[in-house]
Amino acid sequence: IRSIAFAKAIRKLQDKTDNDPITKRMYRRYIDPLTGCNNRRFLSMYFDWLFRSEDRCGGGIYFVSIDTNHMRAINDSWGHKCGDRSLEIVVNELGNNFQSTDLCFRYGGDEFLVIAKHTNKNTVLSTIEKVQARYCERVDDHISEACKQYLERETSSASSPYHCEGFA
């Protein structure tokens, strides 16, 4: 999730990246290529701006750190495509549930940070609960489908189905 204005600017950048090597480098510098989420470099730049302009934000600012559980187990059991897809799912659910003015950053392999502005603690907590529930539902569906496909290819080996336990 990025602010709407930032998302529109990124879309324009994406349209230009094939023709403009400078724009392509800028895009790659600040956006995670797998999830389309802001990356650690942009987080650092944004923190500098945020703390200099704290009085302009108004309302509360909340930092939500998210570490998806069992990413290694997903990668080891079902492959990196499933792991990548589960990361895409978490970013999608964050984008669907937080405000358009909130920002999401991928700052590690399966670690994300959401900066939620103009909100309160109860709203943030209920939003993250919705995100977690929806993420688990979608990952379980995705892993179940991957498991079915895997078992169809590898009929001699069977594994117990994965079940999402949420975030750490």
C-alpha atoms as a PDB file:
ATOM      1  CA  ILE A   1       0.000   0.000   0.000  1.00  0.00           C
ATOM      2  CA  ARG A   2       1.246   3.357  -0.931  1.00  0.00           C
ATOM      3  CA  SER A   3      -0.548   6.638  -0.817  1.00  0.00           C
ATOM      4  CA  ILE A   4      -2.854   7.051  -3.818  1.00  0.00           C
ATOM      5  CA  ALA A   5      -0.779   9.924  -5.213  1.00  0.00           C
ATOM      6  CA  PHE A   6       2.400   7.918  -4.831  1.00  0.00           C
ATOM      7  CA  ALA A   7       0.784   4.868  -6.441  1.00  0.00           C
ATOM      8  CA  LYS A   8      -0.262   6.954  -9.453  1.00  0.00           C
ATOM      9  CA  ALA A   9       3.267   8.334  -9.764  1.00  0.00           C
ATOM     10  CA  ILE A  10       4.678   4.803  -9.604  1.00  0.00           C
ATOM     11  CA  ARG A  11       2.296   3.640 -12.348  1.00  0.00           C
ATOM     12  CA  LYS A  12       3.530   6.488 -14.528  1.00  0.00           C
ATOM     13  CA  LEU A  13       7.084   5.440 -13.719  1.00  0.00           C
ATOM     14  CA  GLN A  14       6.289   1.835 -14.630  1.00  0.00           C
ATOM     15  CA  ASP A  15       4.964   2.986 -17.999  1.00  0.00           C
ATOM     16  CA  LYS A  16       8.192   4.870 -18.663  1.00  0.00           C
ATOM     17  CA  THR A  17      10.684   2.312 -17.337  1.00  0.00           C
ATOM     18  CA  ASP A  18      11.090   0.495 -20.641  1.00  0.00           C
ATOM     19  CA  ASN A  19      12.151   3.671 -22.453  1.00  0.00           C
ATOM     20  CA  ASP A  20      13.922   5.658 -19.755  1.00  0.00           C
ATOM     21  CA  PRO A  21      16.914   4.064 -17.986  1.00  0.00           C
ATOM     22  CA  ILE A  22      17.036   6.781 -15.307  1.00  0.00           C
ATOM     23  CA  THR A  23      13.391   6.274 -14.364  1.00  0.00           C
ATOM     24  CA  LYS A  24      13.938   2.515 -14.391  1.00  0.00           C
ATOM     25  CA  ARG A  25      16.785   2.863 -11.888  1.00  0.00           C
ATOM     26  CA  MET A  26      14.685   5.111  -9.637  1.00  0.00           C
ATOM     27  CA  TYR A  27      11.827   2.622  -9.686  1.00  0.00           C
ATOM     28  CA  ARG A  28      14.135  -0.283  -8.888  1.00  0.00           C
ATOM     29  CA  ARG A  29      15.784   1.701  -6.132  1.00  0.00           C
ATOM     30  CA  TYR A  30      12.602   2.307  -4.098  1.00  0.00           C
ATOM     31  CA  ILE A  31      10.136  -0.464  -4.998  1.00  0.00           C
ATOM     32  CA  ASP A  32      10.381  -4.149  -4.113  1.00  0.00           C
ATOM     33  CA  PRO A  33      10.153  -6.007  -7.446  1.00  0.00           C
ATOM     34  CA  LEU A  34       8.304  -9.041  -6.072  1.00  0.00           C
ATOM     35  CA  THR A  35       5.515  -7.373  -4.129  1.00  0.00           C
ATOM     36  CA  GLY A  36       5.403  -3.894  -5.658  1.00  0.00           C
ATOM     37  CA  CYS A  37       5.672  -2.619  -2.097  1.00  0.00           C
ATOM     38  CA  ASN A  38       7.936   0.222  -0.995  1.00  0.00           C
ATOM     39  CA  ASN A  39      11.347  -1.106   0.023  1.00  0.00           C
ATOM     40  CA  ARG A  40      13.850  -0.447   2.817  1.00  0.00           C
ATOM     41  CA  ARG A  41      15.572   2.372   0.903  1.00  0.00           C
ATOM     42  CA  PHE A  42      12.307   4.221   0.528  1.00  0.00           C
ATOM     43  CA  LEU A  43      11.552   3.579   4.213  1.00  0.00           C
ATOM     44  CA  SER A  44      14.767   5.310   5.209  1.00  0.00           C
ATOM     45  CA  MET A  45      13.997   8.280   2.978  1.00  0.00           C
ATOM     46  CA  TYR A  46      10.396   8.413   4.214  1.00  0.00           C
ATOM     47  CA  PHE A  47      11.468   8.333   7.882  1.00  0.00           C
ATOM     48  CA  ASP A  48      13.654  11.365   7.299  1.00  0.00           C
ATOM     49  CA  TRP A  49      10.700  13.228   5.813  1.00  0.00           C
ATOM     50  CA  LEU A  50       8.182  11.973   8.399  1.00  0.00           C
ATOM     51  CA  PHE A  51      10.165  13.047  11.415  1.00  0.00           C
ATOM     52  CA  ARG A  52      10.951  16.449   9.945  1.00  0.00           C
ATOM     53  CA  SER A  53       7.274  17.062   9.168  1.00  0.00           C
ATOM     54  CA  GLU A  54       5.651  15.375  12.156  1.00  0.00           C
ATOM     55  CA  ASP A  55       3.438  18.370  12.910  1.00  0.00           C
ATOM     56  CA  ARG A  56       1.887  18.199   9.400  1.00  0.00           C
ATOM     57  CA  CYS A  57       0.567  14.635   9.815  1.00  0.00           C
ATOM     58  CA  GLY A  58      -2.078  15.406  12.437  1.00  0.00           C
ATOM     59  CA  GLY A  59      -3.648  12.626  14.480  1.00  0.00           C
ATOM     60  CA  GLY A  60      -1.762   9.559  15.583  1.00  0.00           C
ATOM     61  CA  ILE A  61       0.990   7.761  13.737  1.00  0.00           C
ATOM     62  CA  TYR A  62       1.238   4.012  14.311  1.00  0.00           C
ATOM     63  CA  PHE A  63       4.006   1.670  13.235  1.00  0.00           C
ATOM     64  CA  VAL A  64       2.873  -1.901  12.614  1.00  0.00           C
ATOM     65  CA  SER A  65       5.633  -4.467  12.232  1.00  0.00           C
ATOM     66  CA  ILE A  66       4.569  -7.681  10.500  1.00  0.00           C
ATOM     67  CA  ASP A  67       6.591 -10.862  10.281  1.00  0.00           C
ATOM     68  CA  THR A  68       4.792 -13.623   8.388  1.00  0.00           C
ATOM     69  CA  ASN A  69       5.132 -16.955  10.142  1.00  0.00           C
ATOM     70  CA  HIS A  70       6.498 -20.130   8.629  1.00  0.00           C
ATOM     71  CA  MET A  71       7.834 -18.600   5.403  1.00  0.00           C
ATOM     72  CA  ARG A  72      10.767 -21.000   5.421  1.00  0.00           C
ATOM     73  CA  ALA A  73       8.391 -23.942   5.851  1.00  0.00           C
ATOM     74  CA  ILE A  74       6.346 -22.771   2.865  1.00  0.00           C
ATOM     75  CA  ASN A  75       9.464 -22.338   0.721  1.00  0.00           C
ATOM     76  CA  ASP A  76      10.943 -25.692   1.788  1.00  0.00           C
ATOM     77  CA  SER A  77       7.712 -27.655   1.422  1.00  0.00           C
ATOM     78  CA  TRP A  78       6.034 -26.088  -1.589  1.00  0.00           C
ATOM     79  CA  GLY A  79       8.764 -24.100  -3.305  1.00  0.00           C
ATOM     80  CA  HIS A  80       9.669 -20.464  -3.665  1.00  0.00           C
ATOM     81  CA  LYS A  81       6.771 -19.741  -6.035  1.00  0.00           C
ATOM     82  CA  CYS A  82       4.349 -20.488  -3.191  1.00  0.00           C
ATOM     83  CA  GLY A  83       6.462 -18.442  -0.791  1.00  0.00           C
ATOM     84  CA  ASP A  84       6.539 -15.541  -3.228  1.00  0.00           C
ATOM     85  CA  ARG A  85       2.788 -15.775  -3.712  1.00  0.00           C
ATOM     86  CA  SER A  86       2.195 -15.663   0.053  1.00  0.00           C
ATOM     87  CA  LEU A  87       4.247 -12.438   0.230  1.00  0.00           C
ATOM     88  CA  GLU A  88       2.147 -10.980  -2.581  1.00  0.00           C
ATOM     89  CA  ILE A  89      -0.984 -11.981  -0.665  1.00  0.00           C
ATOM     90  CA  VAL A  90       0.081 -10.195   2.525  1.00  0.00           C
ATOM     91  CA  VAL A  91       0.826  -6.976   0.613  1.00  0.00           C
ATOM     92  CA  ASN A  92      -2.485  -7.242  -1.222  1.00  0.00           C
ATOM     93  CA  GLU A  93      -4.395  -7.671   2.031  1.00  0.00           C
ATOM     94  CA  LEU A  94      -2.561  -4.760   3.654  1.00  0.00           C
ATOM     95  CA  GLY A  95      -3.508  -2.611   0.678  1.00  0.00           C
ATOM     96  CA  ASN A  96      -7.128  -3.735   0.806  1.00  0.00           C
ATOM     97  CA  ASN A  97      -7.559  -3.036   4.515  1.00  0.00           C
ATOM     98  CA  PHE A  98      -5.453  -0.042   5.514  1.00  0.00           C
ATOM     99  CA  GLN A  99      -6.206   3.530   4.457  1.00  0.00           C
ATOM    100  CA  SER A 100      -4.964   4.825   1.131  1.00  0.00           C
ATOM    101  CA  THR A 101      -2.767   7.330   2.987  1.00  0.00           C
ATOM    102  CA  ASP A 102      -0.959   4.610   4.959  1.00  0.00           C
ATOM    103  CA  LEU A 103       2.292   3.219   3.651  1.00  0.00           C
ATOM    104  CA  CYS A 104       3.646  -0.309   3.569  1.00  0.00           C
ATOM    105  CA  PHE A 105       7.316  -1.237   3.318  1.00  0.00           C
ATOM    106  CA  ARG A 106       9.019  -4.582   2.815  1.00  0.00           C
ATOM    107  CA  TYR A 107      12.185  -4.292   4.845  1.00  0.00           C
ATOM    108  CA  GLY A 108      13.243  -7.926   5.043  1.00  0.00           C
ATOM    109  CA  GLY A 109      12.484 -11.289   3.482  1.00  0.00           C
ATOM    110  CA  ASP A 110       9.074 -11.727   5.067  1.00  0.00           C
ATOM    111  CA  GLU A 111       9.036  -8.626   7.227  1.00  0.00           C
ATOM    112  CA  PHE A 112       6.849  -5.620   6.561  1.00  0.00           C
ATOM    113  CA  LEU A 113       6.210  -2.294   8.222  1.00  0.00           C
ATOM    114  CA  VAL A 114       3.001  -0.295   7.898  1.00  0.00           C
ATOM    115  CA  ILE A 115       2.960   3.348   8.872  1.00  0.00           C
ATOM    116  CA  ALA A 116      -0.650   4.215   9.631  1.00  0.00           C
ATOM    117  CA  LYS A 117      -1.412   7.921   9.953  1.00  0.00           C
ATOM    118  CA  HIS A 118      -4.509   9.858  10.998  1.00  0.00           C
ATOM    119  CA  THR A 119      -5.907   6.941  12.971  1.00  0.00           C
ATOM    120  CA  ASN A 120      -6.139   5.456  16.456  1.00  0.00           C
ATOM    121  CA  LYS A 121      -4.927   2.328  18.228  1.00  0.00           C
ATOM    122  CA  ASN A 122      -8.263   0.468  18.116  1.00  0.00           C
ATOM    123  CA  THR A 123      -8.629   1.013  14.375  1.00  0.00           C
ATOM    124  CA  VAL A 124      -5.092  -0.200  13.733  1.00  0.00           C
ATOM    125  CA  LEU A 125      -5.567  -3.308  15.903  1.00  0.00           C
ATOM    126  CA  SER A 126      -8.887  -4.252  14.290  1.00  0.00           C
ATOM    127  CA  THR A 127      -7.424  -3.663  10.816  1.00  0.00           C
ATOM    128  CA  ILE A 128      -4.416  -5.894  11.465  1.00  0.00           C
ATOM    129  CA  GLU A 129      -6.738  -8.622  12.796  1.00  0.00           C
ATOM    130  CA  LYS A 130      -8.751  -8.465   9.555  1.00  0.00           C
ATOM    131  CA  VAL A 131      -5.557  -8.549   7.498  1.00  0.00           C
ATOM    132  CA  GLN A 132      -4.249 -11.548   9.422  1.00  0.00           C
ATOM    133  CA  ALA A 133      -7.493 -13.514   9.114  1.00  0.00           C
ATOM    134  CA  ARG A 134      -7.856 -12.797   5.408  1.00  0.00           C
ATOM    135  CA  TYR A 135      -4.161 -13.511   4.771  1.00  0.00           C
ATOM    136  CA  CYS A 136      -4.419 -16.902   6.482  1.00  0.00           C
ATOM    137  CA  GLU A 137      -7.571 -17.772   4.563  1.00  0.00           C
ATOM    138  CA  ARG A 138      -5.985 -16.876   1.222  1.00  0.00           C
ATOM    139  CA  VAL A 139      -2.620 -18.517   1.984  1.00  0.00           C
ATOM    140  CA  ASP A 140      -4.318 -21.697   3.168  1.00  0.00           C
ATOM    141  CA  ASP A 141      -6.318 -21.789  -0.084  1.00  0.00           C
ATOM    142  CA  HIS A 142      -3.188 -21.130  -2.134  1.00  0.00           C
ATOM    143  CA  ILE A 143      -1.082 -23.714  -0.275  1.00  0.00           C
ATOM    144  CA  SER A 144      -3.873 -26.287  -0.506  1.00  0.00           C
ATOM    145  CA  GLU A 145      -3.996 -25.772  -4.268  1.00  0.00           C
ATOM    146  CA  ALA A 146      -0.194 -25.979  -4.490  1.00  0.00           C
ATOM    147  CA  CYS A 147      -0.271 -29.117  -2.356  1.00  0.00           C
ATOM    148  CA  LYS A 148      -2.813 -30.705  -4.693  1.00  0.00           C
ATOM    149  CA  GLN A 149      -0.684 -29.856  -7.718  1.00  0.00           C
ATOM    150  CA  TYR A 150       2.451 -31.054  -5.947  1.00  0.00           C
ATOM    151  CA  LEU A 151       0.874 -34.343  -4.942  1.00  0.00           C
ATOM    152  CA  GLU A 152      -0.422 -34.874  -8.487  1.00  0.00           C
ATOM    153  CA  ARG A 153       3.154 -34.511  -9.780  1.00  0.00           C
ATOM    154  CA  GLU A 154       4.833 -36.386  -6.931  1.00  0.00           C
ATOM    155  CA  THR A 155       2.429 -39.241  -6.292  1.00  0.00           C
ATOM    156  CA  SER A 156       5.009 -41.257  -4.369  1.00  0.00           C
ATOM    157  CA  SER A 157       5.434 -38.682  -1.587  1.00  0.00           C
ATOM    158  CA  ALA A 158       2.788 -37.132   0.597  1.00  0.00           C
ATOM    159  CA  SER A 159       3.001 -34.299   3.085  1.00  0.00           C
ATOM    160  CA  SER A 160       0.602 -32.993   5.640  1.00  0.00           C
ATOM    161  CA  PRO A 161      -1.239 -29.882   4.504  1.00  0.00           C
ATOM    162  CA  TYR A 162       0.093 -26.512   5.661  1.00  0.00           C
ATOM    163  CA  HIS A 163      -2.085 -24.369   7.880  1.00  0.00           C
ATOM    164  CA  CYS A 164      -1.388 -20.665   8.393  1.00  0.00           C
ATOM    165  CA  GLU A 165      -1.009 -19.491  11.950  1.00  0.00           C
ATOM    166  CA  GLY A 166      -0.760 -15.809  11.134  1.00  0.00           C
ATOM    167  CA  PHE A 167       1.832 -13.201  11.918  1.00  0.00           C
ATOM    168  CA  ALA A 168       4.480 -12.973  14.592  1.00  0.00           C
END
